[in-house]
Amino acid sequence: MGTNGSTMLEPLRQGLPPLDPAAVSDAASCALPARYEAVREARRFTRRTLDQWDMGERFDDVCLVVSELVTNALRHGLPAGHACTGDREPPVRLHLMRWAERLVCAVRDPSHDSPIARESDDFSAESGRGLFLVDSFSDGWGWHPLAGALDGKVVWALFRLPPAGSRPGGE
C-alpha cells in the first residue's frame, strides 16, 4: 500500500465527505504475478473478500472493474518483457478497502504513465474499452503516482455503498 496509506488515499477525498483513516472498516490486499492468469486470481480474491464482508451482492460490478484495472496494469503498466522472478515482490498489487459508505478497489503497478481512457465509438472493438467500463460501473475512478519507497502508480475505482442500516445484512 505504499509507505503511507493516507498518501495513497488522498485523491479519494476529493468531492467526498472527509475520511477518517481510522474509520476503514476492512482492508484486504493481494500480490498478483506478471501473467494474465492473475486476472482470474484477482476475481477469486475479490469474491472471497466481498463474501467475508457480506457484500456479495456487489460482486458483479466490482469484479468487472477489478478485472479491467488488473488487465490494464498487466498490459500497460509493466515494462516490455517483464517477468516476475526470484525474491522480488510481484509488480502488481490489488487493494480492496471498505468504509461505512464506500468501497475502493486500487491496483498498483510499476509504471509512471497515466492511464488513458480511449474515446471510441467502436463498441465492437476487442480492446480499448477498459477505462470506459470502469467509469460506467463505478461511481468514480482516478489515479496518482506513488511516492516514497514504492515506484509506479495506483489506479483506483470508488463504489458508493448504501448506509449500513439499508444494506442487506444491515451491519
Protein backbone atom coordinates (compact mmCIF):
# COMPACT_ATOMS: atom_id res chain seq x y z
CA MET A 1 0.00 0.00 0.00
CA GLY A 2 2.99 2.28 -0.13
CA THR A 3 4.91 3.89 2.60
CA ASN A 4 2.00 5.99 3.75
CA GLY A 5 -1.55 4.70 3.36
CA SER A 6 -3.05 8.15 3.87
CA THR A 7 -0.98 9.45 0.92
CA MET A 8 -2.46 6.78 -1.32
CA LEU A 9 -5.97 7.69 -0.18
CA GLU A 10 -5.63 11.46 -0.55
CA PRO A 11 -7.16 11.66 -4.07
CA LEU A 12 -10.16 9.64 -2.86
CA ARG A 13 -11.15 12.51 -0.59
CA GLN A 14 -11.83 14.90 -3.45
CA GLY A 15 -15.52 15.75 -3.64
CA LEU A 16 -16.49 13.39 -0.82
CA PRO A 17 -17.12 13.82 2.88
CA PRO A 18 -13.88 13.73 4.88
CA LEU A 19 -12.38 10.32 5.54
CA ASP A 20 -11.07 9.35 8.91
CA PRO A 21 -8.28 6.81 8.24
CA ALA A 22 -9.31 5.07 11.47
CA ALA A 23 -12.82 4.58 10.02
CA VAL A 24 -11.67 1.97 7.49
CA SER A 25 -13.92 -0.96 8.26
CA ASP A 26 -11.98 -3.54 6.31
CA ALA A 27 -8.97 -3.77 4.02
CA ALA A 28 -7.50 -6.64 2.04
CA SER A 29 -4.64 -6.85 -0.40
CA CYS A 30 -3.08 -9.44 -2.68
CA ALA A 31 0.03 -9.54 -4.83
CA LEU A 32 -0.52 -10.59 -8.43
CA PRO A 33 2.09 -12.19 -10.69
CA ALA A 34 3.01 -10.69 -14.07
CA ARG A 35 0.89 -13.04 -16.14
CA TYR A 36 -2.67 -12.82 -17.44
CA GLU A 37 -3.87 -15.65 -15.18
CA ALA A 38 -3.57 -13.02 -12.45
CA VAL A 39 -6.90 -11.55 -13.60
CA ARG A 40 -8.63 -14.79 -12.61
CA GLU A 41 -6.76 -14.76 -9.28
CA ALA A 42 -7.90 -11.15 -8.70
CA ARG A 43 -11.53 -12.13 -9.34
CA ARG A 44 -11.30 -15.05 -6.89
CA PHE A 45 -9.69 -12.80 -4.27
CA THR A 46 -12.43 -10.19 -4.81
CA ARG A 47 -15.18 -12.83 -4.47
CA ARG A 48 -13.73 -14.19 -1.21
CA THR A 49 -13.20 -10.72 0.21
CA LEU A 50 -16.66 -9.39 -0.65
CA ASP A 51 -18.26 -12.57 0.72
CA GLN A 52 -16.33 -12.12 4.00
CA TRP A 53 -17.58 -8.53 4.16
CA ASP A 54 -21.20 -9.61 3.42
CA MET A 55 -21.10 -7.62 0.19
CA GLY A 56 -21.59 -10.46 -2.29
CA GLU A 57 -24.45 -8.55 -3.94
CA ARG A 58 -21.89 -6.04 -5.28
CA PHE A 59 -19.66 -8.73 -6.80
CA ASP A 60 -20.66 -8.37 -10.47
CA ASP A 61 -19.88 -4.65 -10.77
CA VAL A 62 -16.83 -4.74 -8.53
CA CYS A 63 -15.45 -7.84 -10.25
CA LEU A 64 -15.79 -6.28 -13.69
CA VAL A 65 -13.92 -3.17 -12.53
CA VAL A 66 -11.21 -5.21 -10.77
CA SER A 67 -10.75 -7.31 -13.93
CA GLU A 68 -10.33 -4.21 -16.07
CA LEU A 69 -7.92 -2.48 -13.66
CA VAL A 70 -5.74 -5.58 -13.30
CA THR A 71 -5.78 -6.24 -17.05
CA ASN A 72 -4.69 -2.64 -17.70
CA ALA A 73 -1.91 -2.92 -15.12
CA LEU A 74 -0.62 -6.11 -16.74
CA ARG A 75 -0.97 -4.84 -20.30
CA HIS A 76 0.19 -1.24 -19.92
CA GLY A 77 1.84 -0.95 -16.51
CA LEU A 78 4.68 -3.44 -16.89
CA PRO A 79 7.86 -2.89 -18.87
CA ALA A 80 8.05 -4.94 -22.09
CA GLY A 81 9.27 -8.45 -21.41
CA HIS A 82 8.84 -8.08 -17.65
CA ALA A 83 8.94 -11.37 -15.78
CA CYS A 84 8.42 -11.85 -12.07
CA THR A 85 11.33 -13.87 -10.77
CA GLY A 86 13.20 -14.65 -7.61
CA ASP A 87 12.61 -12.81 -4.38
CA ARG A 88 11.17 -9.68 -5.97
CA GLU A 89 7.67 -8.73 -4.96
CA PRO A 90 5.15 -9.25 -7.76
CA PRO A 91 4.81 -5.98 -9.68
CA VAL A 92 1.00 -5.66 -9.50
CA ARG A 93 -0.99 -5.48 -6.28
CA LEU A 94 -4.76 -5.31 -5.72
CA HIS A 95 -6.15 -3.49 -2.67
CA LEU A 96 -9.78 -3.55 -1.54
CA MET A 97 -10.79 -1.07 1.17
CA ARG A 98 -14.21 -0.54 2.71
CA TRP A 99 -15.56 2.34 4.71
CA ALA A 100 -19.10 2.62 6.03
CA GLU A 101 -20.45 4.08 2.79
CA ARG A 102 -17.78 3.39 0.16
CA LEU A 103 -15.66 0.63 -1.28
CA VAL A 104 -12.40 1.32 -3.12
CA CYS A 105 -10.57 -1.03 -5.47
CA ALA A 106 -7.00 0.09 -6.11
CA VAL A 107 -4.40 -1.55 -8.36
CA ARG A 108 -0.73 -0.68 -8.07
CA ASP A 109 1.73 -1.15 -10.92
CA PRO A 110 5.33 -0.01 -11.58
CA SER A 111 4.56 2.38 -14.46
CA HIS A 112 4.57 6.16 -14.20
CA ASP A 113 2.42 6.57 -17.32
CA SER A 114 -1.07 7.89 -16.81
CA PRO A 115 -3.94 5.62 -17.77
CA ILE A 116 -5.61 6.82 -20.94
CA ALA A 117 -9.33 6.43 -21.50
CA ARG A 118 -9.79 5.96 -25.23
CA GLU A 119 -12.54 7.93 -26.88
CA SER A 120 -14.04 5.49 -29.31
CA ASP A 121 -17.45 4.91 -30.81
CA ASP A 122 -16.43 1.39 -31.85
CA PHE A 123 -18.03 -0.70 -29.12
CA SER A 124 -17.41 -3.86 -31.13
CA ALA A 125 -13.62 -3.46 -30.77
CA GLU A 126 -11.96 -6.25 -28.79
CA SER A 127 -9.88 -3.89 -26.65
CA GLY A 128 -9.64 -0.27 -25.59
CA ARG A 129 -12.86 -0.06 -23.56
CA GLY A 130 -11.44 -0.93 -20.12
CA LEU A 131 -11.48 2.52 -18.54
CA PHE A 132 -14.83 3.29 -20.18
CA LEU A 133 -16.21 0.21 -18.36
CA VAL A 134 -14.52 1.25 -15.10
CA ASP A 135 -16.12 4.69 -15.44
CA SER A 136 -19.51 3.19 -16.29
CA PHE A 137 -19.69 0.63 -13.48
CA SER A 138 -18.05 2.57 -10.62
CA ASP A 139 -19.01 5.87 -9.02
CA GLY A 140 -15.67 7.39 -9.89
CA TRP A 141 -12.09 6.50 -10.66
CA GLY A 142 -8.69 8.12 -10.79
CA TRP A 143 -5.00 7.52 -10.44
CA HIS A 144 -1.95 9.01 -8.81
CA PRO A 145 1.79 8.39 -8.75
CA LEU A 146 3.33 6.69 -5.74
CA ALA A 147 5.92 8.42 -3.62
CA GLY A 148 8.49 7.14 -1.20
CA ALA A 149 9.89 3.62 -1.34
CA LEU A 150 7.38 2.33 -3.89
CA ASP A 151 7.66 3.26 -7.52
CA GLY A 152 4.84 3.48 -10.02
CA LYS A 153 1.21 4.44 -9.70
CA VAL A 154 -2.15 3.42 -8.26
CA VAL A 155 -5.34 3.36 -10.32
CA TRP A 156 -8.48 3.26 -8.19
CA ALA A 157 -12.23 3.00 -8.53
CA LEU A 158 -14.80 4.06 -5.96
CA PHE A 159 -18.17 2.43 -5.25
CA ARG A 160 -20.65 4.24 -3.03
CA LEU A 161 -22.45 1.93 -0.61
CA PRO A 162 -25.87 2.47 0.90
CA PRO A 163 -25.91 3.41 4.59
CA ALA A 164 -25.33 0.35 6.81
CA GLY A 165 -28.95 0.21 8.01
CA SER A 166 -30.32 -0.07 4.47
CA ARG A 167 -27.91 -2.79 3.26
CA PRO A 168 -28.83 -6.47 3.18
CA GLY A 169 -27.43 -7.86 6.40
CA GLY A 170 -27.86 -4.41 8.00
CA GLU A 171 -24.40 -4.20 9.60
